[in-house]
Each structure stands twice: as structure tokens, then as C-alpha cells.
N, C-alpha and C. Protein backbone atom coordinates (compact mmCIF):
# COMPACT_ATOMS: atom_id res chain seq x y z
N MET A 1 0.85 -1.18 0.00
CA MET A 1 0.00 0.00 0.00
C MET A 1 0.89 1.24 0.00
N ARG A 2 0.61 2.22 -0.88
CA ARG A 2 1.41 3.43 -0.94
C ARG A 2 1.29 4.22 0.35
N PRO A 3 2.34 4.98 0.74
CA PRO A 3 2.31 5.72 2.01
C PRO A 3 1.12 6.68 2.10
N GLY A 4 0.81 7.40 1.01
CA GLY A 4 -0.31 8.35 1.04
C GLY A 4 -1.63 7.65 1.27
N LYS A 5 -1.80 6.53 0.59
CA LYS A 5 -3.05 5.78 0.73
C LYS A 5 -3.15 5.17 2.13
N LEU A 6 -2.02 4.74 2.70
CA LEU A 6 -2.00 4.19 4.04
C LEU A 6 -2.42 5.24 5.06
N ALA A 7 -1.92 6.48 4.91
CA ALA A 7 -2.27 7.56 5.83
C ALA A 7 -3.76 7.86 5.78
N ILE A 8 -4.32 7.86 4.57
CA ILE A 8 -5.75 8.13 4.41
C ILE A 8 -6.57 7.01 5.03
N PHE A 9 -6.12 5.78 4.83
CA PHE A 9 -6.82 4.62 5.39
C PHE A 9 -6.82 4.69 6.91
N ILE A 10 -5.69 5.05 7.51
CA ILE A 10 -5.59 5.16 8.96
C ILE A 10 -6.51 6.26 9.48
N ALA A 11 -6.54 7.40 8.75
CA ALA A 11 -7.43 8.50 9.16
C ALA A 11 -8.89 8.07 9.11
N ALA A 12 -9.24 7.32 8.07
CA ALA A 12 -10.62 6.86 7.94
C ALA A 12 -10.98 5.90 9.08
N LEU A 13 -10.08 4.99 9.40
CA LEU A 13 -10.33 4.05 10.49
C LEU A 13 -10.44 4.77 11.82
N ALA A 14 -9.64 5.82 12.01
CA ALA A 14 -9.71 6.58 13.25
C ALA A 14 -11.09 7.19 13.44
N THR A 15 -11.66 7.68 12.37
CA THR A 15 -13.01 8.25 12.46
C THR A 15 -14.01 7.18 12.82
N LEU A 16 -13.86 5.98 12.27
CA LEU A 16 -14.78 4.90 12.59
C LEU A 16 -14.66 4.47 14.04
N VAL A 17 -13.45 4.58 14.61
CA VAL A 17 -13.28 4.25 16.02
C VAL A 17 -14.04 5.25 16.88
N VAL A 18 -13.99 6.54 16.49
CA VAL A 18 -14.70 7.57 17.23
C VAL A 18 -16.21 7.34 17.19
N PHE A 19 -16.71 6.88 16.05
CA PHE A 19 -18.13 6.64 15.87
C PHE A 19 -18.35 5.16 15.52
N PRO A 20 -18.31 4.28 16.50
CA PRO A 20 -18.24 2.85 16.21
C PRO A 20 -19.51 2.21 15.67
N ALA A 21 -20.70 2.69 16.05
CA ALA A 21 -21.88 1.90 15.69
C ALA A 21 -23.11 2.76 15.47
N CYS A 22 -22.96 3.85 14.72
CA CYS A 22 -24.11 4.70 14.39
C CYS A 22 -24.80 5.20 15.64
N GLY A 23 -24.04 5.53 16.67
CA GLY A 23 -24.64 6.11 17.86
C GLY A 23 -25.09 7.52 17.58
N THR A 24 -25.69 8.16 18.58
CA THR A 24 -26.15 9.52 18.36
C THR A 24 -24.97 10.46 18.22
N LEU A 25 -25.24 11.60 17.58
CA LEU A 25 -24.21 12.63 17.46
C LEU A 25 -24.06 13.40 18.75
N GLY A 26 -24.94 13.16 19.69
CA GLY A 26 -24.88 13.87 20.96
C GLY A 26 -25.89 15.00 21.00
N GLY A 27 -26.28 15.39 22.18
CA GLY A 27 -27.25 16.47 22.31
C GLY A 27 -28.66 15.99 22.08
N GLY A 28 -29.60 16.90 22.21
CA GLY A 28 -31.00 16.54 22.03
C GLY A 28 -31.54 17.05 20.73
N GLY A 29 -32.84 16.92 20.57
CA GLY A 29 -33.51 17.53 19.43
C GLY A 29 -33.51 16.70 18.17
N GLN A 30 -33.19 15.43 18.25
CA GLN A 30 -33.21 14.61 17.06
C GLN A 30 -34.63 14.40 16.58
N ALA A 31 -34.76 14.19 15.29
CA ALA A 31 -36.07 13.90 14.72
C ALA A 31 -36.53 12.54 15.18
N GLU A 32 -37.85 12.35 15.16
CA GLU A 32 -38.41 11.05 15.47
C GLU A 32 -39.06 10.49 14.23
N ALA A 33 -38.87 9.21 14.00
CA ALA A 33 -39.47 8.56 12.84
C ALA A 33 -39.73 7.11 13.19
N PRO A 34 -40.62 6.45 12.51
CA PRO A 34 -40.92 5.06 12.83
C PRO A 34 -39.68 4.18 12.74
N GLU A 35 -39.48 3.37 13.77
CA GLU A 35 -38.39 2.39 13.80
C GLU A 35 -37.04 3.02 13.50
N ALA A 36 -36.77 4.17 14.05
CA ALA A 36 -35.51 4.86 13.81
C ALA A 36 -34.95 5.32 15.14
N PRO A 37 -34.40 4.41 15.94
CA PRO A 37 -34.05 4.72 17.31
C PRO A 37 -32.82 5.58 17.50
N SER A 38 -31.94 5.65 16.54
CA SER A 38 -30.72 6.42 16.75
C SER A 38 -30.23 6.99 15.44
N GLU A 39 -29.32 7.93 15.54
CA GLU A 39 -28.81 8.61 14.35
C GLU A 39 -27.38 8.19 14.11
N GLU A 40 -26.95 8.42 12.92
CA GLU A 40 -25.64 7.98 12.49
C GLU A 40 -24.73 9.15 12.15
N PRO A 41 -23.54 9.18 12.71
CA PRO A 41 -22.57 10.13 12.21
C PRO A 41 -22.04 9.62 10.88
N ILE A 42 -21.56 10.47 10.08
CA ILE A 42 -21.23 10.11 8.72
C ILE A 42 -19.86 9.46 8.66
N VAL A 43 -19.71 8.53 7.72
CA VAL A 43 -18.55 7.65 7.65
C VAL A 43 -17.25 8.42 7.76
N SER A 44 -16.43 8.68 6.94
CA SER A 44 -15.14 9.23 7.28
C SER A 44 -14.58 9.98 6.12
N GLU A 45 -13.42 10.49 6.33
CA GLU A 45 -12.74 11.17 5.26
C GLU A 45 -11.82 10.18 4.58
N ALA A 46 -11.72 10.22 3.27
CA ALA A 46 -10.80 9.35 2.56
C ALA A 46 -10.69 9.80 1.14
N GLY A 47 -9.90 9.08 0.36
CA GLY A 47 -9.65 9.45 -1.02
C GLY A 47 -8.16 9.51 -1.22
N GLU A 48 -7.70 9.86 -2.41
CA GLU A 48 -6.27 9.95 -2.59
C GLU A 48 -5.92 11.02 -3.60
N ASP A 49 -4.75 11.65 -3.39
CA ASP A 49 -4.20 12.64 -4.31
C ASP A 49 -5.17 13.78 -4.59
N THR A 50 -6.01 14.15 -3.61
CA THR A 50 -6.99 15.20 -3.85
C THR A 50 -6.33 16.53 -4.12
N GLU A 51 -5.25 16.83 -3.41
CA GLU A 51 -4.60 18.11 -3.61
C GLU A 51 -4.14 18.27 -5.05
N ALA A 52 -3.57 17.22 -5.61
CA ALA A 52 -3.11 17.27 -7.00
C ALA A 52 -4.29 17.38 -7.95
N ARG A 53 -5.36 16.61 -7.68
CA ARG A 53 -6.49 16.61 -8.59
C ARG A 53 -7.25 17.93 -8.56
N SER A 54 -7.26 18.62 -7.41
CA SER A 54 -8.07 19.82 -7.29
C SER A 54 -7.38 21.06 -7.84
N THR A 55 -6.18 20.92 -8.37
CA THR A 55 -5.50 22.07 -8.95
C THR A 55 -5.73 22.16 -10.45
N ALA A 56 -6.68 21.42 -10.97
CA ALA A 56 -6.98 21.46 -12.40
C ALA A 56 -7.33 22.89 -12.81
N SER A 57 -6.99 23.25 -14.06
CA SER A 57 -7.17 24.62 -14.52
C SER A 57 -8.63 25.05 -14.53
N ASP A 58 -9.56 24.11 -14.64
CA ASP A 58 -10.97 24.47 -14.69
C ASP A 58 -11.64 24.40 -13.32
N ALA A 59 -10.86 24.21 -12.25
CA ALA A 59 -11.42 24.16 -10.91
C ALA A 59 -11.78 25.56 -10.45
N PRO A 60 -13.00 25.78 -9.94
CA PRO A 60 -13.37 27.09 -9.42
C PRO A 60 -12.52 27.44 -8.20
N GLU A 61 -12.26 28.73 -8.01
CA GLU A 61 -11.50 29.16 -6.84
C GLU A 61 -12.29 28.83 -5.56
N ASP A 62 -13.59 29.08 -5.60
CA ASP A 62 -14.49 28.72 -4.51
C ASP A 62 -15.03 27.33 -4.81
N GLN A 63 -14.70 26.36 -3.97
CA GLN A 63 -15.04 24.97 -4.26
C GLN A 63 -16.34 24.51 -3.60
N SER A 64 -17.19 25.46 -3.21
CA SER A 64 -18.46 25.07 -2.62
C SER A 64 -19.39 24.47 -3.67
N LEU A 65 -20.29 23.59 -3.21
CA LEU A 65 -21.19 22.86 -4.09
C LEU A 65 -22.64 23.00 -3.62
N THR A 66 -23.56 22.88 -4.57
CA THR A 66 -24.99 22.84 -4.27
C THR A 66 -25.55 21.56 -4.86
N LEU A 67 -26.44 20.90 -4.12
CA LEU A 67 -26.97 19.60 -4.52
C LEU A 67 -28.49 19.65 -4.65
N THR A 68 -28.98 19.03 -5.73
CA THR A 68 -30.41 18.83 -5.92
C THR A 68 -30.64 17.38 -6.33
N VAL A 69 -31.56 16.71 -5.63
CA VAL A 69 -31.93 15.34 -5.97
C VAL A 69 -33.46 15.32 -6.11
N PRO A 70 -33.99 15.39 -7.32
CA PRO A 70 -35.44 15.48 -7.50
C PRO A 70 -36.23 14.39 -6.78
N LYS A 71 -35.67 13.19 -6.68
CA LYS A 71 -36.38 12.06 -6.07
C LYS A 71 -36.41 12.18 -4.54
N MET A 72 -35.57 13.04 -3.98
CA MET A 72 -35.49 13.17 -2.52
C MET A 72 -36.13 14.50 -2.11
N GLU A 73 -37.16 14.41 -1.30
CA GLU A 73 -38.03 15.54 -0.99
C GLU A 73 -37.29 16.73 -0.39
N ARG A 74 -36.28 16.50 0.44
CA ARG A 74 -35.63 17.57 1.19
C ARG A 74 -34.28 17.99 0.64
N VAL A 75 -33.94 17.52 -0.56
CA VAL A 75 -32.64 17.86 -1.13
C VAL A 75 -32.86 18.63 -2.42
N LYS A 76 -33.17 19.91 -2.25
CA LYS A 76 -33.44 20.80 -3.37
C LYS A 76 -32.58 22.05 -3.22
N ASN A 77 -31.57 22.17 -4.06
CA ASN A 77 -30.71 23.35 -4.08
C ASN A 77 -30.11 23.65 -2.70
N VAL A 78 -29.56 22.60 -2.06
CA VAL A 78 -28.97 22.76 -0.73
C VAL A 78 -27.45 22.88 -0.86
N GLU A 79 -26.89 23.77 -0.07
CA GLU A 79 -25.43 23.94 -0.06
C GLU A 79 -24.81 22.75 0.66
N ILE A 80 -23.74 22.24 0.06
CA ILE A 80 -23.03 21.08 0.60
C ILE A 80 -21.59 21.51 0.93
N PRO A 81 -21.31 21.82 2.19
CA PRO A 81 -19.94 22.18 2.55
C PRO A 81 -19.03 20.97 2.49
N THR A 82 -17.75 21.22 2.34
CA THR A 82 -16.75 20.16 2.38
C THR A 82 -16.16 20.12 3.79
N GLY A 83 -16.09 18.94 4.37
CA GLY A 83 -15.54 18.85 5.71
C GLY A 83 -15.23 17.43 6.11
N ARG A 84 -14.80 17.30 7.34
CA ARG A 84 -14.42 16.00 7.89
C ARG A 84 -15.66 15.21 8.28
N GLY A 85 -15.54 13.90 8.23
CA GLY A 85 -16.65 13.04 8.60
C GLY A 85 -16.94 13.03 10.09
N ASP A 86 -16.08 13.61 10.91
CA ASP A 86 -16.32 13.65 12.35
C ASP A 86 -16.58 15.06 12.86
N ASP A 87 -16.91 15.98 11.95
CA ASP A 87 -17.21 17.36 12.34
C ASP A 87 -18.69 17.43 12.73
N GLU A 88 -18.97 17.27 14.01
CA GLU A 88 -20.34 17.13 14.48
C GLU A 88 -21.20 18.34 14.13
N GLU A 89 -20.67 19.54 14.33
CA GLU A 89 -21.47 20.74 14.05
C GLU A 89 -21.79 20.88 12.57
N LEU A 90 -20.83 20.58 11.72
CA LEU A 90 -21.05 20.65 10.28
C LEU A 90 -22.13 19.67 9.85
N LEU A 91 -22.09 18.47 10.40
CA LEU A 91 -23.08 17.45 10.07
C LEU A 91 -24.46 17.81 10.60
N LYS A 92 -24.50 18.44 11.76
CA LYS A 92 -25.77 18.80 12.38
C LYS A 92 -26.45 19.95 11.64
N ASP A 93 -25.66 20.89 11.15
CA ASP A 93 -26.21 22.14 10.61
C ASP A 93 -26.45 22.13 9.11
N ASN A 94 -26.16 21.03 8.43
CA ASN A 94 -26.30 20.99 6.98
C ASN A 94 -27.07 19.74 6.54
N ALA A 95 -27.70 19.85 5.37
CA ALA A 95 -28.43 18.71 4.83
C ALA A 95 -27.50 17.55 4.54
N ALA A 96 -26.27 17.86 4.15
CA ALA A 96 -25.28 16.83 3.84
C ALA A 96 -23.91 17.50 3.80
N VAL A 97 -22.89 16.66 3.74
CA VAL A 97 -21.51 17.14 3.71
C VAL A 97 -20.75 16.41 2.62
N HIS A 98 -20.00 17.17 1.83
CA HIS A 98 -19.06 16.58 0.87
C HIS A 98 -17.81 16.21 1.64
N LEU A 99 -17.47 14.94 1.68
CA LEU A 99 -16.36 14.50 2.52
C LEU A 99 -15.01 14.98 1.99
N MET A 100 -14.27 15.60 2.88
CA MET A 100 -12.92 16.05 2.59
C MET A 100 -12.08 14.89 2.05
N TYR A 101 -11.23 15.19 1.10
CA TYR A 101 -10.32 14.24 0.46
C TYR A 101 -11.00 13.38 -0.59
N THR A 102 -12.28 13.62 -0.88
CA THR A 102 -12.90 12.95 -2.02
C THR A 102 -13.02 13.95 -3.16
N GLY A 103 -13.46 13.47 -4.33
CA GLY A 103 -13.36 14.25 -5.55
C GLY A 103 -14.34 15.39 -5.69
N PHE A 104 -14.14 16.16 -6.77
CA PHE A 104 -15.02 17.25 -7.16
C PHE A 104 -15.52 17.00 -8.58
N PRO A 105 -16.67 17.56 -8.94
CA PRO A 105 -17.28 17.24 -10.24
C PRO A 105 -16.44 17.65 -11.44
N TRP A 106 -15.62 18.68 -11.32
CA TRP A 106 -14.85 19.16 -12.46
C TRP A 106 -13.60 18.33 -12.72
N GLU A 107 -13.33 17.34 -11.90
CA GLU A 107 -12.18 16.47 -12.14
C GLU A 107 -12.53 15.38 -13.13
N ASP A 108 -11.53 14.94 -13.89
CA ASP A 108 -11.77 13.90 -14.90
C ASP A 108 -12.19 12.58 -14.28
N GLU A 109 -11.58 12.24 -13.17
CA GLU A 109 -11.85 10.96 -12.51
C GLU A 109 -12.04 11.25 -11.04
N ALA A 110 -13.28 11.14 -10.57
CA ALA A 110 -13.56 11.54 -9.19
C ALA A 110 -14.70 10.72 -8.61
N ASN A 111 -14.72 10.67 -7.29
CA ASN A 111 -15.87 10.15 -6.55
C ASN A 111 -16.29 11.27 -5.61
N VAL A 112 -17.30 12.03 -6.01
CA VAL A 112 -17.80 13.14 -5.21
C VAL A 112 -18.67 12.52 -4.12
N TYR A 113 -18.12 12.39 -2.92
CA TYR A 113 -18.76 11.60 -1.87
C TYR A 113 -19.51 12.51 -0.92
N VAL A 114 -20.84 12.35 -0.88
CA VAL A 114 -21.71 13.23 -0.10
C VAL A 114 -22.50 12.38 0.88
N ALA A 115 -22.45 12.73 2.16
CA ALA A 115 -23.13 11.96 3.19
C ALA A 115 -24.14 12.83 3.92
N GLY A 116 -25.30 12.25 4.21
CA GLY A 116 -26.35 12.97 4.92
C GLY A 116 -27.05 12.07 5.93
N HIS A 117 -27.88 12.68 6.77
CA HIS A 117 -28.57 11.95 7.83
C HIS A 117 -29.93 11.43 7.39
N ARG A 118 -30.32 10.28 7.92
CA ARG A 118 -31.69 9.79 7.74
C ARG A 118 -32.64 10.54 8.68
N LEU A 119 -32.20 10.83 9.91
CA LEU A 119 -33.03 11.58 10.86
C LEU A 119 -32.55 13.00 11.04
N GLY A 120 -31.35 13.17 11.51
CA GLY A 120 -30.83 14.50 11.76
C GLY A 120 -31.44 15.14 12.99
N TYR A 121 -31.41 16.46 13.04
CA TYR A 121 -31.87 17.22 14.20
C TYR A 121 -33.01 18.14 13.80
N GLU A 122 -34.11 18.04 14.51
CA GLU A 122 -35.27 18.88 14.22
C GLU A 122 -34.89 20.35 14.33
N GLY A 123 -35.35 21.15 13.40
CA GLY A 123 -35.06 22.58 13.40
C GLY A 123 -33.75 22.94 12.72
N THR A 124 -33.05 21.93 12.17
CA THR A 124 -31.80 22.19 11.44
C THR A 124 -31.94 21.63 10.03
N ASP A 125 -30.99 21.99 9.16
CA ASP A 125 -31.02 21.50 7.79
C ASP A 125 -30.77 19.99 7.70
N SER A 126 -30.25 19.39 8.77
CA SER A 126 -30.00 17.95 8.74
C SER A 126 -31.28 17.13 8.96
N HIS A 127 -32.35 17.78 9.39
CA HIS A 127 -33.57 17.08 9.78
C HIS A 127 -34.16 16.30 8.61
N LEU A 128 -34.11 14.97 8.68
CA LEU A 128 -34.67 14.05 7.69
C LEU A 128 -34.13 14.26 6.28
N ALA A 129 -32.95 14.87 6.17
CA ALA A 129 -32.43 15.27 4.85
C ALA A 129 -32.36 14.11 3.87
N PHE A 130 -31.76 12.99 4.26
CA PHE A 130 -31.61 11.84 3.37
C PHE A 130 -32.55 10.71 3.75
N TYR A 131 -33.65 11.04 4.40
CA TYR A 131 -34.56 10.00 4.89
C TYR A 131 -35.08 9.10 3.76
N ASP A 132 -35.33 9.70 2.59
CA ASP A 132 -35.90 8.95 1.47
C ASP A 132 -34.88 8.52 0.42
N ILE A 133 -33.63 8.38 0.84
CA ILE A 133 -32.59 7.94 -0.10
C ILE A 133 -32.91 6.57 -0.71
N ASP A 134 -33.65 5.74 0.03
CA ASP A 134 -33.96 4.40 -0.46
C ASP A 134 -34.97 4.40 -1.61
N LYS A 135 -35.53 5.56 -1.94
CA LYS A 135 -36.44 5.66 -3.09
C LYS A 135 -35.70 5.82 -4.41
N MET A 136 -34.40 6.07 -4.34
CA MET A 136 -33.62 6.28 -5.55
C MET A 136 -33.52 5.00 -6.37
N GLU A 137 -33.61 5.12 -7.70
CA GLU A 137 -33.55 3.99 -8.62
C GLU A 137 -32.59 4.29 -9.76
N ASP A 138 -32.13 3.25 -10.43
CA ASP A 138 -31.27 3.43 -11.60
C ASP A 138 -31.97 4.35 -12.59
N GLY A 139 -31.20 5.28 -13.15
CA GLY A 139 -31.74 6.23 -14.11
C GLY A 139 -32.17 7.55 -13.50
N ASP A 140 -32.36 7.61 -12.17
CA ASP A 140 -32.71 8.88 -11.52
C ASP A 140 -31.55 9.86 -11.65
N GLU A 141 -31.89 11.15 -11.63
CA GLU A 141 -30.87 12.18 -11.81
C GLU A 141 -30.48 12.83 -10.49
N ILE A 142 -29.23 13.25 -10.45
CA ILE A 142 -28.65 14.00 -9.33
C ILE A 142 -27.94 15.19 -9.95
N PHE A 143 -28.20 16.39 -9.41
CA PHE A 143 -27.61 17.60 -9.97
C PHE A 143 -26.69 18.26 -8.95
N VAL A 144 -25.48 18.59 -9.38
CA VAL A 144 -24.53 19.33 -8.56
C VAL A 144 -24.19 20.61 -9.31
N THR A 145 -24.19 21.73 -8.60
CA THR A 145 -23.83 23.02 -9.20
C THR A 145 -22.63 23.57 -8.46
N ASP A 146 -21.63 24.06 -9.21
CA ASP A 146 -20.46 24.65 -8.55
C ASP A 146 -20.69 26.13 -8.29
N SER A 147 -19.71 26.78 -7.67
CA SER A 147 -19.86 28.18 -7.26
C SER A 147 -19.97 29.14 -8.43
N GLU A 148 -19.58 28.70 -9.63
CA GLU A 148 -19.68 29.55 -10.81
C GLU A 148 -20.96 29.29 -11.60
N GLY A 149 -21.83 28.45 -11.07
CA GLY A 149 -23.12 28.19 -11.69
C GLY A 149 -23.12 27.07 -12.71
N LYS A 150 -22.00 26.37 -12.87
CA LYS A 150 -21.96 25.25 -13.80
C LYS A 150 -22.65 24.04 -13.18
N GLU A 151 -23.56 23.42 -13.93
CA GLU A 151 -24.30 22.27 -13.42
C GLU A 151 -23.74 20.97 -13.97
N TYR A 152 -23.65 19.98 -13.10
CA TYR A 152 -23.18 18.64 -13.44
C TYR A 152 -24.35 17.68 -13.20
N THR A 153 -24.69 16.92 -14.21
CA THR A 153 -25.81 15.99 -14.11
C THR A 153 -25.29 14.57 -14.02
N TYR A 154 -25.72 13.86 -12.98
CA TYR A 154 -25.34 12.46 -12.77
C TYR A 154 -26.58 11.60 -12.91
N GLU A 155 -26.38 10.38 -13.40
CA GLU A 155 -27.48 9.43 -13.54
C GLU A 155 -27.17 8.21 -12.68
N VAL A 156 -28.11 7.84 -11.82
CA VAL A 156 -27.90 6.73 -10.90
C VAL A 156 -27.72 5.43 -11.68
N PHE A 157 -26.67 4.67 -11.30
CA PHE A 157 -26.41 3.38 -11.93
C PHE A 157 -26.28 2.24 -10.93
N GLU A 158 -26.25 2.56 -9.63
CA GLU A 158 -25.99 1.49 -8.66
C GLU A 158 -26.41 1.94 -7.26
N THR A 159 -26.97 1.00 -6.51
CA THR A 159 -27.24 1.21 -5.09
C THR A 159 -26.60 0.07 -4.32
N LEU A 160 -25.83 0.42 -3.30
CA LEU A 160 -25.10 -0.57 -2.51
C LEU A 160 -25.52 -0.49 -1.05
N THR A 161 -25.44 -1.60 -0.35
CA THR A 161 -25.52 -1.61 1.10
C THR A 161 -24.22 -2.21 1.60
N VAL A 162 -23.50 -1.45 2.44
CA VAL A 162 -22.18 -1.89 2.89
C VAL A 162 -22.07 -1.71 4.39
N GLU A 163 -21.11 -2.42 4.97
CA GLU A 163 -20.79 -2.24 6.37
C GLU A 163 -19.95 -0.98 6.55
N PRO A 164 -19.95 -0.37 7.74
CA PRO A 164 -19.21 0.88 7.95
C PRO A 164 -17.72 0.78 7.68
N THR A 165 -17.17 -0.42 7.76
CA THR A 165 -15.73 -0.59 7.57
C THR A 165 -15.33 -0.77 6.10
N GLU A 166 -16.29 -0.83 5.20
CA GLU A 166 -15.97 -1.04 3.78
C GLU A 166 -15.60 0.29 3.13
N LEU A 167 -14.39 0.73 3.40
CA LEU A 167 -13.95 2.07 3.01
C LEU A 167 -13.65 2.21 1.52
N GLN A 168 -13.63 1.11 0.79
CA GLN A 168 -13.35 1.19 -0.64
C GLN A 168 -14.41 1.98 -1.39
N VAL A 169 -15.58 2.17 -0.80
CA VAL A 169 -16.63 2.94 -1.47
C VAL A 169 -16.27 4.41 -1.60
N LEU A 170 -15.24 4.86 -0.88
CA LEU A 170 -14.78 6.24 -0.97
C LEU A 170 -13.86 6.45 -2.16
N ASP A 171 -13.35 5.39 -2.73
CA ASP A 171 -12.37 5.50 -3.82
C ASP A 171 -13.05 5.86 -5.13
N PRO A 172 -12.33 6.54 -6.01
CA PRO A 172 -12.85 6.76 -7.37
C PRO A 172 -12.86 5.46 -8.16
N ILE A 173 -13.63 5.43 -9.24
CA ILE A 173 -13.66 4.30 -10.16
C ILE A 173 -12.87 4.70 -11.39
N GLU A 174 -11.91 3.89 -11.77
CA GLU A 174 -11.03 4.23 -12.89
C GLU A 174 -11.83 4.59 -14.14
N GLY A 175 -11.50 5.73 -14.72
CA GLY A 175 -12.10 6.16 -15.97
C GLY A 175 -13.48 6.77 -15.84
N LYS A 176 -13.98 6.95 -14.60
CA LYS A 176 -15.33 7.49 -14.41
C LYS A 176 -15.32 8.72 -13.51
N ASN A 177 -16.33 9.55 -13.67
CA ASN A 177 -16.60 10.63 -12.73
C ASN A 177 -17.95 10.30 -12.10
N ILE A 178 -17.96 10.01 -10.81
CA ILE A 178 -19.19 9.58 -10.15
C ILE A 178 -19.49 10.45 -8.93
N ILE A 179 -20.73 10.36 -8.48
CA ILE A 179 -21.13 10.92 -7.19
C ILE A 179 -21.66 9.77 -6.36
N SER A 180 -21.39 9.81 -5.06
CA SER A 180 -21.92 8.82 -4.13
C SER A 180 -22.69 9.54 -3.04
N LEU A 181 -23.94 9.16 -2.84
CA LEU A 181 -24.76 9.68 -1.75
C LEU A 181 -24.86 8.59 -0.70
N GLN A 182 -24.57 8.94 0.56
CA GLN A 182 -24.55 7.94 1.63
C GLN A 182 -25.43 8.34 2.80
N ALA A 183 -26.13 7.35 3.35
CA ALA A 183 -26.85 7.51 4.62
C ALA A 183 -26.86 6.14 5.30
N CYS A 184 -27.44 6.07 6.49
CA CYS A 184 -27.53 4.79 7.20
C CYS A 184 -28.77 4.01 6.78
N THR A 185 -28.69 2.71 6.96
CA THR A 185 -29.84 1.85 6.70
C THR A 185 -30.82 1.93 7.87
N LEU A 186 -32.07 1.66 7.57
CA LEU A 186 -33.10 1.57 8.60
C LEU A 186 -33.40 0.09 8.86
N PRO A 187 -33.86 -0.31 10.03
CA PRO A 187 -34.24 0.56 11.14
C PRO A 187 -33.15 0.77 12.18
N ASP A 188 -32.03 0.03 12.08
CA ASP A 188 -31.07 0.07 13.19
C ASP A 188 -29.76 0.78 12.85
N TYR A 189 -29.64 1.33 11.66
CA TYR A 189 -28.45 2.11 11.28
C TYR A 189 -27.16 1.31 11.32
N SER A 190 -27.24 0.00 11.18
CA SER A 190 -26.04 -0.83 11.30
C SER A 190 -25.18 -0.79 10.05
N ASP A 191 -25.77 -0.51 8.89
CA ASP A 191 -25.02 -0.48 7.64
C ASP A 191 -25.21 0.87 6.94
N ARG A 192 -24.61 1.00 5.77
CA ARG A 192 -24.71 2.22 4.99
C ARG A 192 -25.36 1.92 3.65
N ILE A 193 -26.28 2.78 3.24
CA ILE A 193 -26.82 2.71 1.89
C ILE A 193 -26.12 3.77 1.06
N ILE A 194 -25.64 3.36 -0.10
CA ILE A 194 -24.88 4.26 -0.97
C ILE A 194 -25.49 4.23 -2.36
N VAL A 195 -25.89 5.39 -2.84
CA VAL A 195 -26.43 5.53 -4.19
C VAL A 195 -25.36 6.19 -5.05
N ARG A 196 -25.01 5.54 -6.15
CA ARG A 196 -23.96 6.07 -7.03
C ARG A 196 -24.54 6.51 -8.37
N GLY A 197 -24.09 7.66 -8.84
CA GLY A 197 -24.47 8.15 -10.15
C GLY A 197 -23.24 8.49 -10.96
N GLU A 198 -23.34 8.33 -12.29
CA GLU A 198 -22.23 8.67 -13.18
C GLU A 198 -22.53 9.97 -13.90
N LEU A 199 -21.49 10.78 -14.08
CA LEU A 199 -21.64 12.05 -14.77
C LEU A 199 -22.04 11.81 -16.22
N VAL A 200 -23.15 12.44 -16.64
CA VAL A 200 -23.61 12.32 -18.01
C VAL A 200 -23.61 13.66 -18.73
N GLU A 201 -23.52 14.75 -17.97
CA GLU A 201 -23.46 16.08 -18.57
C GLU A 201 -22.84 17.05 -17.62
N GLY A 202 -21.88 17.84 -18.11
CA GLY A 202 -21.27 18.85 -17.24
C GLY A 202 -19.85 19.12 -17.64
């Protein structure tokens, strides 16, 4: 394993140790939903060579992103900050987070990894943000807009259910530009549901 990839792997595992089993993020005010006893902190930071990939000439100076998923009721033109998978306040205050060290849409080969809550916190943007992620089907569209207004259209091609330790889902797929949307499975949040889309326009 290359030294850079080893460091990223260790960082990802460290985050999983901090959040071992989809426990609560702490504090009160979580949403209530049928058979949804606890909330999940988002998986971790990972990826490789992001610094090199993000210096592409067409990369916006401001790397903020906006996400719209027509099939998901609460994900319409929401800002997606980039941050660590263990940043509790960032996860609490936003509908979703683009995980640090994963790709951006303007890169040739990227996995734009976005994680959100199934329940979240009532009165915040995280509240039920990704609750209906399981309604996504192959062929559904996902739209990402960069800070300069350029829109990237992804088409869903795969839905996976994985264990929290299966960190390979953070890696890019050779020759593809994809987006991955992640949340916890219901009812016990023991696994992760990941919806993947491939860039078709942008």
C-alpha cells in the first residue's frame, strides 16, 4: 500500500473508532421517525491525491457545491460544505456534507462523496435530509452546481448496502466521474446505503 493511501486509510479508520456503531451525534432535538431509534454520524474522510487533482485549470476558486436530488423531498438546491466526517457541528447544521479528500465534479476521474442523515436534528437542515434515499432507482438524476453556476448531471447506476468498515466505497472508479450519496440503513443504522451516479453532462 502506498504511504499516502495508508495515511488516508488510517485517518478513515480513526473516524470509525470515534463513531463505532451509528450512535447519536450527541445532544437533544433529534427527529423522530418510525423504527428509527438512533442517528448515524457520517462515515469518514478518505480518497487519494486530492490536492493534486483539485489544482486542475478548470477548478473554481471557490469549491463550494450545491446539490439537488429530485427524487429526494428535502434535497433541493442545498449547499453542501466540504468537511471531515467527524465534524459534528457541520453534520448537524447541513443537509449533507461533501467529505474532505474525495473528488469534485470538475475532475476527470472523481468520486464526489456526499453523506447525509436519515433523521438529523429537528429545526436544522439535517432534519430528515436523506430519509428517502432508499427511493432512488437506476436512471434517476442527481444535480450538482459549482460556485460559478456550472451544473453537473449524474445518472444513478448502482445502489449498494455496505458495512461501515468497507472504506473502498470512498475510492474513485477508474475512468469514471461519479457521485456517491450515503446515509444509514433503517431501522437500526447498522449499515450504509450508498447511491452512485455517473456524470452524463457537465
